[in-house]
Amino acid sequence: MALAAVVAGITFTGISITGIKGQRAIAQSAPACEPPAAGEYLLLVVSESGQTPEQLRRTLPPNASTTVCRYLDNTVTRVGGFTDAEVANSWAQYLSDLGGMQAFVARPSEAASTQAQAPNTQPPTAASTEALSYNPQPLAAGYAVLVDYFNRPEVATDVQQALGSQVGLVSYGQRPYLLALHTSDAAVANSVLQRLSDRNFLALVVDSRRVVLLTPAVASVD
């Protein structure tokens, strides 16, 4: 049975869904998804086949916390630990581009956010520390050479071949980009920019402090 509707602004056990579009899957054996912690954003990826969790593990950083669980009648992979909505949304877009995986972001409800503002004198538990272990940070000061992959993740392989080095994934301006280079040398950044432009890649050099690193090396895309 297909689930073709786009759902927005739905509150679910303490979370609010910002967007979902996908197919319904029977998920009787999977446990119900845990809501996000205060201040945490979740990435939920619809598992249309048994390959989805394994594909995610190859794509996401190794310290990302993933759990297969049930949301309504859908089996999803729950990726926790995001503290920035822009980062979570960039991952959702990249995964949607990568083989058409259906991903959406869940955020804390307003009630949970209000409670989070109250002072907490209790030390963090091991579970909460582990859940928020994946915390992408902005790059250090310098220059970042970014490549727009135009919703075609396989472009990463072409960039790797052109430069002979690994390519990362970043969030910049609320969008995912490939990271070709991060350097403190403007001349080196401009040289790489020219090499990429000569090979017809749409590349740009930006202030690296405005760029958030999602993963230093993207998985190869066949």
N, C-alpha and C. Protein backbone atom coordinates (compact mmCIF):
# COMPACT_ATOMS: atom_id res chain seq x y z
N MET A 1 0.85 -1.18 0.00
CA MET A 1 0.00 0.00 0.00
C MET A 1 0.89 1.23 0.00
N ALA A 2 0.64 2.15 -0.88
CA ALA A 2 1.52 3.31 -1.02
C ALA A 2 1.11 4.42 -0.08
N LEU A 3 2.08 5.13 0.43
CA LEU A 3 1.84 6.32 1.24
C LEU A 3 2.41 7.49 0.48
N ALA A 4 1.60 8.17 -0.29
CA ALA A 4 2.09 9.19 -1.21
C ALA A 4 1.95 10.59 -0.67
N ALA A 5 1.26 10.77 0.44
CA ALA A 5 1.02 12.12 0.94
C ALA A 5 2.29 12.70 1.55
N VAL A 6 2.41 14.01 1.46
CA VAL A 6 3.49 14.73 2.12
C VAL A 6 2.96 15.23 3.45
N VAL A 7 3.63 14.86 4.53
CA VAL A 7 3.15 15.19 5.86
C VAL A 7 4.03 16.28 6.44
N ALA A 8 3.45 17.31 7.05
CA ALA A 8 4.24 18.39 7.64
C ALA A 8 3.61 18.83 8.94
N GLY A 9 4.46 19.20 9.91
CA GLY A 9 3.99 19.76 11.15
C GLY A 9 3.24 18.80 12.04
N ILE A 10 3.59 17.52 12.00
CA ILE A 10 2.90 16.51 12.81
C ILE A 10 3.69 16.29 14.10
N THR A 11 3.00 16.31 15.24
CA THR A 11 3.65 16.02 16.50
C THR A 11 3.52 14.54 16.80
N PHE A 12 4.64 13.89 17.14
CA PHE A 12 4.65 12.45 17.38
C PHE A 12 5.46 12.17 18.64
N THR A 13 4.81 11.80 19.70
CA THR A 13 5.43 11.48 20.99
C THR A 13 6.57 12.43 21.31
N GLY A 14 6.29 13.72 21.24
CA GLY A 14 7.29 14.70 21.63
C GLY A 14 8.14 15.21 20.49
N ILE A 15 7.87 14.83 19.22
CA ILE A 15 8.64 15.35 18.11
C ILE A 15 7.70 15.93 17.08
N SER A 16 8.25 16.78 16.25
CA SER A 16 7.46 17.37 15.17
C SER A 16 8.12 17.03 13.86
N ILE A 17 7.39 16.41 12.93
CA ILE A 17 7.94 15.98 11.65
C ILE A 17 7.90 17.15 10.68
N THR A 18 9.05 17.47 10.10
CA THR A 18 9.12 18.59 9.18
C THR A 18 8.80 18.18 7.76
N GLY A 19 8.82 16.90 7.44
CA GLY A 19 8.47 16.49 6.08
C GLY A 19 8.73 15.02 5.85
N ILE A 20 7.79 14.31 5.18
CA ILE A 20 7.99 12.90 4.84
C ILE A 20 7.24 12.61 3.55
N LYS A 21 7.86 11.83 2.69
CA LYS A 21 7.21 11.37 1.47
C LYS A 21 7.75 9.99 1.18
N GLY A 22 6.92 8.98 1.20
CA GLY A 22 7.48 7.66 0.98
C GLY A 22 6.44 6.58 0.91
N GLN A 23 6.89 5.33 0.97
CA GLN A 23 6.02 4.18 0.89
C GLN A 23 5.87 3.56 2.26
N ARG A 24 4.71 2.97 2.52
CA ARG A 24 4.45 2.35 3.81
C ARG A 24 5.02 0.93 3.83
N ALA A 25 5.63 0.58 4.94
CA ALA A 25 6.19 -0.76 5.10
C ALA A 25 5.64 -1.36 6.38
N ILE A 26 5.47 -2.66 6.40
CA ILE A 26 4.99 -3.33 7.59
C ILE A 26 6.14 -3.47 8.57
N ALA A 27 5.91 -3.01 9.81
CA ALA A 27 7.01 -2.95 10.77
C ALA A 27 6.60 -3.54 12.11
N GLN A 28 5.94 -4.70 12.10
CA GLN A 28 5.43 -5.27 13.33
C GLN A 28 6.54 -5.68 14.29
N SER A 29 7.68 -6.13 13.77
CA SER A 29 8.72 -6.67 14.63
C SER A 29 9.65 -5.61 15.18
N ALA A 30 9.70 -4.42 14.58
CA ALA A 30 10.62 -3.38 15.02
C ALA A 30 10.04 -2.62 16.20
N PRO A 31 10.88 -2.20 17.16
CA PRO A 31 10.38 -1.41 18.28
C PRO A 31 9.99 -0.01 17.83
N ALA A 32 9.14 0.65 18.61
CA ALA A 32 8.75 2.02 18.29
C ALA A 32 9.95 2.94 18.43
N CYS A 33 10.02 3.95 17.56
CA CYS A 33 11.14 4.89 17.60
C CYS A 33 11.09 5.75 18.86
N GLU A 34 12.24 5.96 19.46
CA GLU A 34 12.34 6.86 20.60
C GLU A 34 12.32 8.30 20.10
N PRO A 35 11.65 9.20 20.83
CA PRO A 35 11.65 10.61 20.43
C PRO A 35 13.03 11.22 20.65
N PRO A 36 13.30 12.36 20.05
CA PRO A 36 14.61 13.00 20.24
C PRO A 36 14.76 13.54 21.65
N ALA A 37 16.00 13.64 22.10
CA ALA A 37 16.27 14.30 23.37
C ALA A 37 16.07 15.80 23.21
N ALA A 38 16.04 16.51 24.31
CA ALA A 38 15.88 17.97 24.25
C ALA A 38 17.02 18.57 23.44
N GLY A 39 16.68 19.38 22.46
CA GLY A 39 17.69 20.02 21.63
C GLY A 39 18.28 19.14 20.55
N GLU A 40 17.75 17.94 20.39
CA GLU A 40 18.29 17.00 19.40
C GLU A 40 17.37 16.91 18.19
N TYR A 41 17.96 16.80 17.01
CA TYR A 41 17.21 16.56 15.77
C TYR A 41 17.49 15.14 15.32
N LEU A 42 16.45 14.47 14.85
CA LEU A 42 16.60 13.11 14.35
C LEU A 42 16.50 13.08 12.83
N LEU A 43 17.26 12.20 12.25
CA LEU A 43 17.14 11.90 10.83
C LEU A 43 16.50 10.52 10.73
N LEU A 44 15.33 10.44 10.10
CA LEU A 44 14.62 9.18 9.93
C LEU A 44 14.61 8.80 8.46
N VAL A 45 15.10 7.61 8.16
CA VAL A 45 15.22 7.15 6.78
C VAL A 45 14.34 5.92 6.61
N VAL A 46 13.39 5.99 5.68
CA VAL A 46 12.47 4.89 5.45
C VAL A 46 13.24 3.69 4.89
N SER A 47 13.07 2.54 5.53
CA SER A 47 13.76 1.32 5.10
C SER A 47 12.86 0.56 4.13
N GLU A 48 13.07 0.79 2.85
CA GLU A 48 12.25 0.12 1.84
C GLU A 48 12.75 -1.29 1.57
N SER A 49 13.96 -1.59 2.02
CA SER A 49 14.50 -2.94 1.87
C SER A 49 15.51 -3.17 2.98
N GLY A 50 15.95 -4.42 3.11
CA GLY A 50 16.94 -4.73 4.13
C GLY A 50 18.29 -4.12 3.85
N GLN A 51 18.49 -3.56 2.66
CA GLN A 51 19.77 -2.97 2.30
C GLN A 51 19.93 -1.57 2.88
N THR A 52 18.83 -0.91 3.24
CA THR A 52 18.90 0.49 3.65
C THR A 52 19.79 0.70 4.88
N PRO A 53 19.63 -0.05 5.98
CA PRO A 53 20.51 0.18 7.13
C PRO A 53 21.99 0.01 6.80
N GLU A 54 22.32 -1.02 6.02
CA GLU A 54 23.72 -1.25 5.66
C GLU A 54 24.25 -0.12 4.78
N GLN A 55 23.44 0.36 3.84
CA GLN A 55 23.85 1.47 2.98
C GLN A 55 24.09 2.72 3.82
N LEU A 56 23.26 2.94 4.82
CA LEU A 56 23.44 4.09 5.70
C LEU A 56 24.74 3.97 6.49
N ARG A 57 25.04 2.78 6.99
CA ARG A 57 26.26 2.61 7.77
C ARG A 57 27.50 2.88 6.92
N ARG A 58 27.42 2.58 5.62
CA ARG A 58 28.55 2.87 4.73
C ARG A 58 28.66 4.36 4.43
N THR A 59 27.54 5.07 4.50
CA THR A 59 27.51 6.47 4.09
C THR A 59 27.76 7.43 5.25
N LEU A 60 27.16 7.15 6.40
CA LEU A 60 27.27 8.04 7.55
C LEU A 60 28.61 7.87 8.25
N PRO A 61 29.04 8.88 9.01
CA PRO A 61 30.27 8.75 9.80
C PRO A 61 30.15 7.60 10.79
N PRO A 62 31.27 6.96 11.16
CA PRO A 62 31.21 5.79 12.03
C PRO A 62 30.66 6.08 13.42
N ASN A 63 30.74 7.33 13.88
CA ASN A 63 30.23 7.65 15.22
C ASN A 63 28.78 8.08 15.22
N ALA A 64 28.11 8.00 14.07
CA ALA A 64 26.68 8.31 14.03
C ALA A 64 25.89 7.18 14.68
N SER A 65 24.91 7.53 15.49
CA SER A 65 24.11 6.55 16.22
C SER A 65 22.89 6.16 15.39
N THR A 66 22.81 4.89 14.95
CA THR A 66 21.70 4.43 14.11
C THR A 66 20.94 3.29 14.79
N THR A 67 19.62 3.30 14.64
CA THR A 67 18.76 2.27 15.20
C THR A 67 17.61 2.01 14.23
N VAL A 68 17.32 0.74 13.97
CA VAL A 68 16.15 0.39 13.16
C VAL A 68 14.94 0.35 14.09
N CYS A 69 13.89 1.10 13.73
CA CYS A 69 12.72 1.17 14.60
C CYS A 69 11.47 1.41 13.75
N ARG A 70 10.35 1.56 14.43
CA ARG A 70 9.06 1.70 13.75
C ARG A 70 8.46 3.07 14.00
N TYR A 71 8.12 3.76 12.92
CA TYR A 71 7.35 5.00 13.01
C TYR A 71 6.03 4.78 12.27
N LEU A 72 4.91 4.83 13.00
CA LEU A 72 3.61 4.48 12.43
C LEU A 72 3.72 3.08 11.82
N ASP A 73 3.43 2.91 10.53
CA ASP A 73 3.52 1.61 9.88
C ASP A 73 4.79 1.47 9.04
N ASN A 74 5.77 2.34 9.27
CA ASN A 74 6.99 2.33 8.47
C ASN A 74 8.17 1.85 9.30
N THR A 75 8.98 0.98 8.71
CA THR A 75 10.27 0.66 9.29
C THR A 75 11.25 1.73 8.85
N VAL A 76 11.92 2.36 9.82
CA VAL A 76 12.85 3.44 9.51
C VAL A 76 14.16 3.19 10.22
N THR A 77 15.21 3.82 9.72
CA THR A 77 16.47 3.86 10.44
C THR A 77 16.56 5.22 11.12
N ARG A 78 16.67 5.20 12.42
CA ARG A 78 16.72 6.43 13.23
C ARG A 78 18.18 6.82 13.43
N VAL A 79 18.54 8.00 12.98
CA VAL A 79 19.90 8.52 13.14
C VAL A 79 19.83 9.69 14.11
N GLY A 80 20.41 9.53 15.28
CA GLY A 80 20.33 10.56 16.31
C GLY A 80 21.61 11.34 16.46
N GLY A 81 21.56 12.34 17.35
CA GLY A 81 22.76 13.08 17.70
C GLY A 81 22.95 14.40 17.01
N PHE A 82 22.00 14.83 16.19
CA PHE A 82 22.14 16.12 15.50
C PHE A 82 21.66 17.24 16.42
N THR A 83 22.45 18.27 16.56
CA THR A 83 22.06 19.43 17.36
C THR A 83 21.80 20.65 16.50
N ASP A 84 21.91 20.51 15.20
CA ASP A 84 21.71 21.62 14.27
C ASP A 84 20.76 21.18 13.18
N ALA A 85 19.66 21.93 13.00
CA ALA A 85 18.66 21.57 11.99
C ALA A 85 19.24 21.63 10.59
N GLU A 86 20.12 22.60 10.31
CA GLU A 86 20.70 22.72 8.98
C GLU A 86 21.51 21.48 8.62
N VAL A 87 22.28 20.98 9.58
CA VAL A 87 23.08 19.79 9.34
C VAL A 87 22.19 18.58 9.07
N ALA A 88 21.16 18.41 9.88
CA ALA A 88 20.24 17.29 9.69
C ALA A 88 19.54 17.36 8.34
N ASN A 89 19.09 18.56 7.96
CA ASN A 89 18.41 18.72 6.67
C ASN A 89 19.36 18.48 5.50
N SER A 90 20.62 18.87 5.65
CA SER A 90 21.60 18.63 4.58
C SER A 90 21.82 17.14 4.39
N TRP A 91 21.90 16.40 5.50
CA TRP A 91 22.03 14.94 5.40
C TRP A 91 20.79 14.34 4.75
N ALA A 92 19.61 14.83 5.12
CA ALA A 92 18.37 14.30 4.54
C ALA A 92 18.36 14.50 3.03
N GLN A 93 18.78 15.68 2.58
CA GLN A 93 18.80 15.94 1.14
C GLN A 93 19.81 15.04 0.44
N TYR A 94 21.00 14.90 1.04
CA TYR A 94 22.04 14.08 0.42
C TYR A 94 21.59 12.62 0.31
N LEU A 95 20.98 12.10 1.36
CA LEU A 95 20.53 10.71 1.32
C LEU A 95 19.39 10.52 0.33
N SER A 96 18.54 11.52 0.20
CA SER A 96 17.48 11.45 -0.80
C SER A 96 18.06 11.43 -2.21
N ASP A 97 19.14 12.19 -2.41
CA ASP A 97 19.82 12.19 -3.71
C ASP A 97 20.55 10.87 -3.94
N LEU A 98 21.02 10.26 -2.86
CA LEU A 98 21.83 9.05 -2.95
C LEU A 98 20.92 7.83 -3.06
N GLY A 99 20.60 7.44 -4.25
CA GLY A 99 19.80 6.25 -4.47
C GLY A 99 18.34 6.40 -4.11
N GLY A 100 17.87 7.64 -3.97
CA GLY A 100 16.46 7.87 -3.72
C GLY A 100 15.98 7.45 -2.35
N MET A 101 16.89 7.38 -1.37
CA MET A 101 16.44 7.07 -0.02
C MET A 101 15.51 8.16 0.49
N GLN A 102 14.45 7.77 1.16
CA GLN A 102 13.44 8.72 1.62
C GLN A 102 13.74 9.09 3.07
N ALA A 103 14.22 10.30 3.27
CA ALA A 103 14.66 10.74 4.59
C ALA A 103 13.91 12.00 5.00
N PHE A 104 13.66 12.10 6.30
CA PHE A 104 13.03 13.31 6.81
C PHE A 104 13.58 13.60 8.20
N VAL A 105 13.35 14.82 8.67
CA VAL A 105 13.93 15.29 9.92
C VAL A 105 12.84 15.44 10.97
N ALA A 106 13.11 14.94 12.17
CA ALA A 106 12.21 15.12 13.31
C ALA A 106 12.91 16.02 14.31
N ARG A 107 12.18 16.98 14.81
CA ARG A 107 12.75 17.91 15.78
C ARG A 107 11.97 17.85 17.09
N PRO A 108 12.57 18.33 18.19
CA PRO A 108 11.84 18.33 19.47
C PRO A 108 10.59 19.19 19.36
N SER A 109 9.54 18.77 20.06
CA SER A 109 8.33 19.60 20.10
C SER A 109 8.62 20.86 20.89
N GLU A 110 7.73 21.85 20.76
CA GLU A 110 7.92 23.11 21.48
C GLU A 110 7.91 22.88 22.98
N ALA A 111 7.11 21.93 23.44
CA ALA A 111 7.06 21.64 24.87
C ALA A 111 8.40 21.11 25.36
N ALA A 112 9.00 20.21 24.56
CA ALA A 112 10.30 19.66 24.95
C ALA A 112 11.37 20.73 24.93
N SER A 113 11.31 21.64 23.94
CA SER A 113 12.29 22.71 23.85
C SER A 113 12.17 23.65 25.04
N THR A 114 10.93 23.92 25.48
CA THR A 114 10.72 24.79 26.62
C THR A 114 11.29 24.17 27.88
N GLN A 115 11.07 22.85 28.04
CA GLN A 115 11.62 22.16 29.19
C GLN A 115 13.13 22.16 29.17
N ALA A 116 13.70 22.11 27.97
CA ALA A 116 15.16 22.07 27.85
C ALA A 116 15.79 23.35 28.32
N GLN A 117 15.05 24.48 28.32
CA GLN A 117 15.61 25.75 28.73
C GLN A 117 15.76 25.85 30.24
N ALA A 118 15.06 25.00 30.99
CA ALA A 118 15.17 25.01 32.44
C ALA A 118 16.52 24.45 32.86
N PRO A 119 17.13 25.00 33.93
CA PRO A 119 18.43 24.49 34.36
C PRO A 119 18.35 23.04 34.78
N ASN A 120 19.38 22.29 34.44
CA ASN A 120 19.42 20.86 34.76
C ASN A 120 20.65 20.60 35.62
N THR A 121 20.42 20.21 36.88
CA THR A 121 21.53 19.99 37.79
C THR A 121 22.02 18.56 37.77
N GLN A 122 21.34 17.68 37.02
CA GLN A 122 21.73 16.28 36.97
C GLN A 122 22.83 16.08 35.93
N PRO A 123 23.83 15.26 36.22
CA PRO A 123 24.87 14.98 35.22
C PRO A 123 24.28 14.19 34.07
N PRO A 124 24.83 14.37 32.85
CA PRO A 124 24.30 13.63 31.70
C PRO A 124 24.53 12.14 31.86
N THR A 125 23.56 11.35 31.43
CA THR A 125 23.70 9.90 31.49
C THR A 125 24.56 9.42 30.35
N ALA A 126 25.03 8.18 30.46
CA ALA A 126 25.84 7.60 29.39
C ALA A 126 25.05 7.52 28.11
N ALA A 127 23.74 7.20 28.23
CA ALA A 127 22.90 7.06 27.04
C ALA A 127 22.76 8.38 26.32
N SER A 128 22.54 9.48 27.09
CA SER A 128 22.36 10.77 26.44
C SER A 128 23.66 11.25 25.82
N THR A 129 24.80 10.96 26.48
CA THR A 129 26.09 11.36 25.91
C THR A 129 26.35 10.62 24.62
N GLU A 130 26.03 9.32 24.57
CA GLU A 130 26.25 8.53 23.36
C GLU A 130 25.35 9.02 22.23
N ALA A 131 24.09 9.37 22.58
CA ALA A 131 23.14 9.77 21.55
C ALA A 131 23.59 11.03 20.84
N LEU A 132 24.30 11.93 21.57
CA LEU A 132 24.72 13.19 20.98
C LEU A 132 26.20 13.18 20.61
N SER A 133 26.78 11.99 20.45
CA SER A 133 28.21 11.90 20.16
C SER A 133 28.54 12.42 18.78
N TYR A 134 27.60 12.33 17.84
CA TYR A 134 27.85 12.85 16.50
C TYR A 134 27.46 14.32 16.49
N ASN A 135 28.45 15.19 16.50
CA ASN A 135 28.19 16.63 16.60
C ASN A 135 29.06 17.37 15.60
N PRO A 136 28.64 17.46 14.33
CA PRO A 136 29.45 18.12 13.30
C PRO A 136 29.78 19.56 13.68
N GLN A 137 30.97 19.98 13.35
CA GLN A 137 31.45 21.31 13.72
C GLN A 137 31.87 22.09 12.47
N PRO A 138 31.86 23.44 12.54
CA PRO A 138 32.38 24.24 11.42
C PRO A 138 33.86 23.96 11.21
N LEU A 139 34.30 24.15 9.99
CA LEU A 139 35.72 24.00 9.68
C LEU A 139 36.52 25.13 10.33
N ALA A 140 37.80 24.90 10.51
CA ALA A 140 38.67 25.94 11.03
C ALA A 140 38.83 27.06 10.01
N ALA A 141 39.35 28.18 10.46
CA ALA A 141 39.52 29.34 9.59
C ALA A 141 40.37 28.98 8.38
N GLY A 142 40.00 29.51 7.24
CA GLY A 142 40.72 29.25 6.01
C GLY A 142 39.79 29.32 4.82
N TYR A 143 40.06 28.48 3.83
CA TYR A 143 39.29 28.49 2.59
C TYR A 143 38.80 27.07 2.30
N ALA A 144 37.55 26.97 1.89
CA ALA A 144 36.97 25.68 1.52
C ALA A 144 36.60 25.73 0.04
N VAL A 145 37.05 24.73 -0.70
CA VAL A 145 36.68 24.61 -2.11
C VAL A 145 35.53 23.61 -2.18
N LEU A 146 34.37 24.10 -2.56
CA LEU A 146 33.16 23.28 -2.60
C LEU A 146 32.75 22.99 -4.03
N VAL A 147 32.08 21.86 -4.21
CA VAL A 147 31.58 21.46 -5.53
C VAL A 147 30.09 21.17 -5.42
N ASP A 148 29.30 21.81 -6.28
CA ASP A 148 27.87 21.53 -6.35
C ASP A 148 27.68 20.25 -7.17
N TYR A 149 27.07 19.24 -6.56
CA TYR A 149 26.94 17.95 -7.25
C TYR A 149 25.60 17.79 -7.97
N PHE A 150 24.74 18.83 -7.94
CA PHE A 150 23.49 18.84 -8.71
C PHE A 150 22.65 17.59 -8.49
N ASN A 151 22.50 17.19 -7.23
CA ASN A 151 21.67 16.03 -6.88
C ASN A 151 22.18 14.73 -7.50
N ARG A 152 23.47 14.70 -7.83
CA ARG A 152 24.09 13.50 -8.41
C ARG A 152 25.30 13.13 -7.56
N PRO A 153 25.11 12.33 -6.50
CA PRO A 153 26.22 12.01 -5.60
C PRO A 153 27.40 11.33 -6.29
N GLU A 154 27.15 10.70 -7.44
CA GLU A 154 28.25 10.05 -8.15
C GLU A 154 29.31 11.04 -8.63
N VAL A 155 28.97 12.34 -8.62
CA VAL A 155 29.95 13.36 -8.98
C VAL A 155 31.16 13.30 -8.03
N ALA A 156 30.95 12.83 -6.80
CA ALA A 156 32.05 12.72 -5.85
C ALA A 156 33.18 11.85 -6.40
N THR A 157 32.82 10.76 -7.07
CA THR A 157 33.84 9.89 -7.66
C THR A 157 34.62 10.62 -8.74
N ASP A 158 33.93 11.42 -9.55
CA ASP A 158 34.61 12.18 -10.60
C ASP A 158 35.57 13.21 -10.00
N VAL A 159 35.15 13.86 -8.91
CA VAL A 159 36.02 14.85 -8.27
C VAL A 159 37.24 14.17 -7.66
N GLN A 160 37.03 13.00 -7.04
CA GLN A 160 38.15 12.26 -6.47
C GLN A 160 39.16 11.89 -7.55
N GLN A 161 38.66 11.46 -8.70
CA GLN A 161 39.57 11.09 -9.78
C GLN A 161 40.30 12.31 -10.33
N ALA A 162 39.62 13.44 -10.38
CA ALA A 162 40.25 14.66 -10.91
C ALA A 162 41.35 15.18 -9.99
N LEU A 163 41.15 15.04 -8.67
CA LEU A 163 42.11 15.60 -7.72
C LEU A 163 43.05 14.56 -7.14
N GLY A 164 42.68 13.28 -7.24
CA GLY A 164 43.51 12.23 -6.66
C GLY A 164 43.47 12.22 -5.15
N SER A 165 42.38 12.67 -4.56
CA SER A 165 42.26 12.70 -3.10
C SER A 165 40.81 12.49 -2.70
N GLN A 166 40.60 12.19 -1.41
CA GLN A 166 39.25 11.95 -0.92
C GLN A 166 38.41 13.23 -0.96
N VAL A 167 37.11 13.04 -1.06
CA VAL A 167 36.17 14.16 -1.10
C VAL A 167 35.22 14.03 0.08
N GLY A 168 35.02 15.13 0.79
CA GLY A 168 34.13 15.13 1.95
C GLY A 168 32.74 15.64 1.60
N LEU A 169 31.90 15.69 2.61
CA LEU A 169 30.55 16.23 2.47
C LEU A 169 30.35 17.29 3.54
N VAL A 170 29.83 18.45 3.14
CA VAL A 170 29.65 19.56 4.07
C VAL A 170 28.27 20.18 3.90
N SER A 171 27.92 21.01 4.86
CA SER A 171 26.70 21.81 4.77
C SER A 171 27.12 23.27 4.67
N TYR A 172 26.60 23.95 3.66
CA TYR A 172 26.91 25.37 3.46
C TYR A 172 25.67 26.06 2.91
N GLY A 173 25.21 27.11 3.56
CA GLY A 173 24.03 27.81 3.08
C GLY A 173 22.80 26.93 3.06
N GLN A 174 22.68 26.04 4.06
CA GLN A 174 21.53 25.14 4.19
C GLN A 174 21.43 24.13 3.05
N ARG A 175 22.57 23.82 2.43
CA ARG A 175 22.60 22.82 1.36
C ARG A 175 23.84 21.95 1.51
N PRO A 176 23.76 20.69 1.05
CA PRO A 176 24.96 19.85 1.06
C PRO A 176 25.83 20.13 -0.16
N TYR A 177 27.12 20.12 0.04
CA TYR A 177 28.10 20.26 -1.04
C TYR A 177 29.21 19.23 -0.83
N LEU A 178 29.91 18.92 -1.89
CA LEU A 178 31.12 18.12 -1.79
C LEU A 178 32.27 19.04 -1.38
N LEU A 179 33.11 18.56 -0.49
CA LEU A 179 34.28 19.32 -0.05
C LEU A 179 35.50 18.80 -0.79
N ALA A 180 36.02 19.61 -1.70
CA ALA A 180 37.20 19.20 -2.46
C ALA A 180 38.49 19.50 -1.71
N LEU A 181 38.49 20.61 -0.95
CA LEU A 181 39.73 21.02 -0.27
C LEU A 181 39.40 21.99 0.85
N HIS A 182 40.14 21.85 1.95
CA HIS A 182 40.12 22.84 3.03
C HIS A 182 41.57 23.22 3.30
N THR A 183 41.88 24.50 3.17
CA THR A 183 43.26 24.95 3.30
C THR A 183 43.31 26.36 3.85
N SER A 184 44.44 26.72 4.43
CA SER A 184 44.65 28.09 4.90
C SER A 184 45.35 28.94 3.85
N ASP A 185 45.71 28.33 2.72
CA ASP A 185 46.45 29.02 1.66
C ASP A 185 45.49 29.40 0.53
N ALA A 186 45.28 30.69 0.34
CA ALA A 186 44.36 31.17 -0.69
C ALA A 186 44.83 30.78 -2.08
N ALA A 187 46.15 30.79 -2.31
CA ALA A 187 46.67 30.45 -3.63
C ALA A 187 46.38 28.99 -3.97
N VAL A 188 46.53 28.11 -3.00
CA VAL A 188 46.25 26.69 -3.22
C VAL A 188 44.76 26.48 -3.50
N ALA A 189 43.92 27.17 -2.73
CA ALA A 189 42.48 27.06 -2.94
C ALA A 189 42.08 27.50 -4.34
N ASN A 190 42.64 28.62 -4.78
CA ASN A 190 42.31 29.12 -6.12
C ASN A 190 42.85 28.21 -7.22
N SER A 191 44.00 27.57 -6.96
CA SER A 191 44.55 26.64 -7.94
C SER A 191 43.64 25.43 -8.12
N VAL A 192 43.15 24.88 -7.00
CA VAL A 192 42.23 23.74 -7.08
C VAL A 192 40.92 24.16 -7.72
N LEU A 193 40.46 25.35 -7.39
CA LEU A 193 39.24 25.87 -8.01
C LEU A 193 39.38 25.92 -9.53
N GLN A 194 40.54 26.38 -10.01
CA GLN A 194 40.77 26.47 -11.44
C GLN A 194 40.81 25.08 -12.08
N ARG A 195 41.45 24.13 -11.41
CA ARG A 195 41.52 22.76 -11.94
C ARG A 195 40.13 22.17 -12.09
N LEU A 196 39.30 22.39 -11.09
CA LEU A 196 37.94 21.85 -11.15
C LEU A 196 37.11 22.55 -12.22
N SER A 197 37.25 23.85 -12.30
CA SER A 197 36.50 24.61 -13.32
C SER A 197 36.91 24.18 -14.72
N ASP A 198 38.21 23.91 -14.92
CA ASP A 198 38.69 23.46 -16.23
C ASP A 198 38.08 22.12 -16.62
N ARG A 199 37.65 21.35 -15.62
CA ARG A 199 37.03 20.04 -15.89
C ARG A 199 35.51 20.12 -15.81
N ASN A 200 35.00 21.34 -15.88
CA ASN A 200 33.55 21.60 -15.96
C ASN A 200 32.78 21.27 -14.68
N PHE A 201 33.46 21.26 -13.54
CA PHE A 201 32.75 21.18 -12.27
C PHE A 201 32.34 22.58 -11.84
N LEU A 202 31.17 22.69 -11.21
CA LEU A 202 30.75 23.97 -10.66
C LEU A 202 31.32 24.07 -9.24
N ALA A 203 32.43 24.77 -9.11
CA ALA A 203 33.13 24.86 -7.83
C ALA A 203 33.16 26.31 -7.35
N LEU A 204 33.33 26.47 -6.05
CA LEU A 204 33.42 27.80 -5.47
C LEU A 204 34.32 27.76 -4.25
N VAL A 205 34.95 28.90 -3.96
CA VAL A 205 35.79 29.04 -2.77
C VAL A 205 35.04 29.91 -1.77
N VAL A 206 34.92 29.44 -0.53
CA VAL A 206 34.17 30.17 0.49
C VAL A 206 34.98 30.21 1.79
N ASP A 207 34.55 31.09 2.68
CA ASP A 207 35.12 31.17 4.03
C ASP A 207 34.80 29.86 4.76
N SER A 208 35.81 29.11 5.12
CA SER A 208 35.57 27.78 5.68
C SER A 208 34.89 27.82 7.05
N ARG A 209 34.92 28.96 7.72
CA ARG A 209 34.25 29.05 9.02
C ARG A 209 32.73 29.00 8.88
N ARG A 210 32.23 29.19 7.67
CA ARG A 210 30.78 29.13 7.42
C ARG A 210 30.36 27.75 6.91
N VAL A 211 31.29 26.81 6.93
CA VAL A 211 31.05 25.46 6.39
C VAL A 211 31.07 24.45 7.53
N VAL A 212 30.07 23.59 7.59
CA VAL A 212 30.02 22.54 8.62
C VAL A 212 30.37 21.20 7.98
N LEU A 213 31.35 20.52 8.53
CA LEU A 213 31.79 19.23 8.00
C LEU A 213 30.83 18.14 8.44
N LEU A 214 30.22 17.46 7.47
CA LEU A 214 29.33 16.34 7.77
C LEU A 214 30.10 15.03 7.86
N THR A 215 30.98 14.80 6.90
CA THR A 215 31.85 13.63 6.92
C THR A 215 33.08 13.94 6.08
N PRO A 216 34.28 13.55 6.52
CA PRO A 216 35.49 13.89 5.77
C PRO A 216 35.67 13.11 4.48
N ALA A 217 34.97 11.99 4.33
CA ALA A 217 35.11 11.18 3.12
C ALA A 217 33.78 10.53 2.79
N VAL A 218 33.23 10.84 1.63
CA VAL A 218 31.97 10.23 1.22
C VAL A 218 32.25 8.85 0.66
N ALA A 219 31.25 7.98 0.77
CA ALA A 219 31.38 6.63 0.23
C ALA A 219 31.34 6.67 -1.28
N SER A 220 32.03 5.74 -1.91
CA SER A 220 32.01 5.65 -3.37
C SER A 220 30.62 5.30 -3.84
N VAL A 221 30.20 5.93 -4.93
CA VAL A 221 28.88 5.68 -5.50
C VAL A 221 29.07 5.04 -6.85
N ASP A 222 28.52 3.84 -7.02
CA ASP A 222 28.66 3.13 -8.29
C ASP A 222 27.74 3.72 -9.33
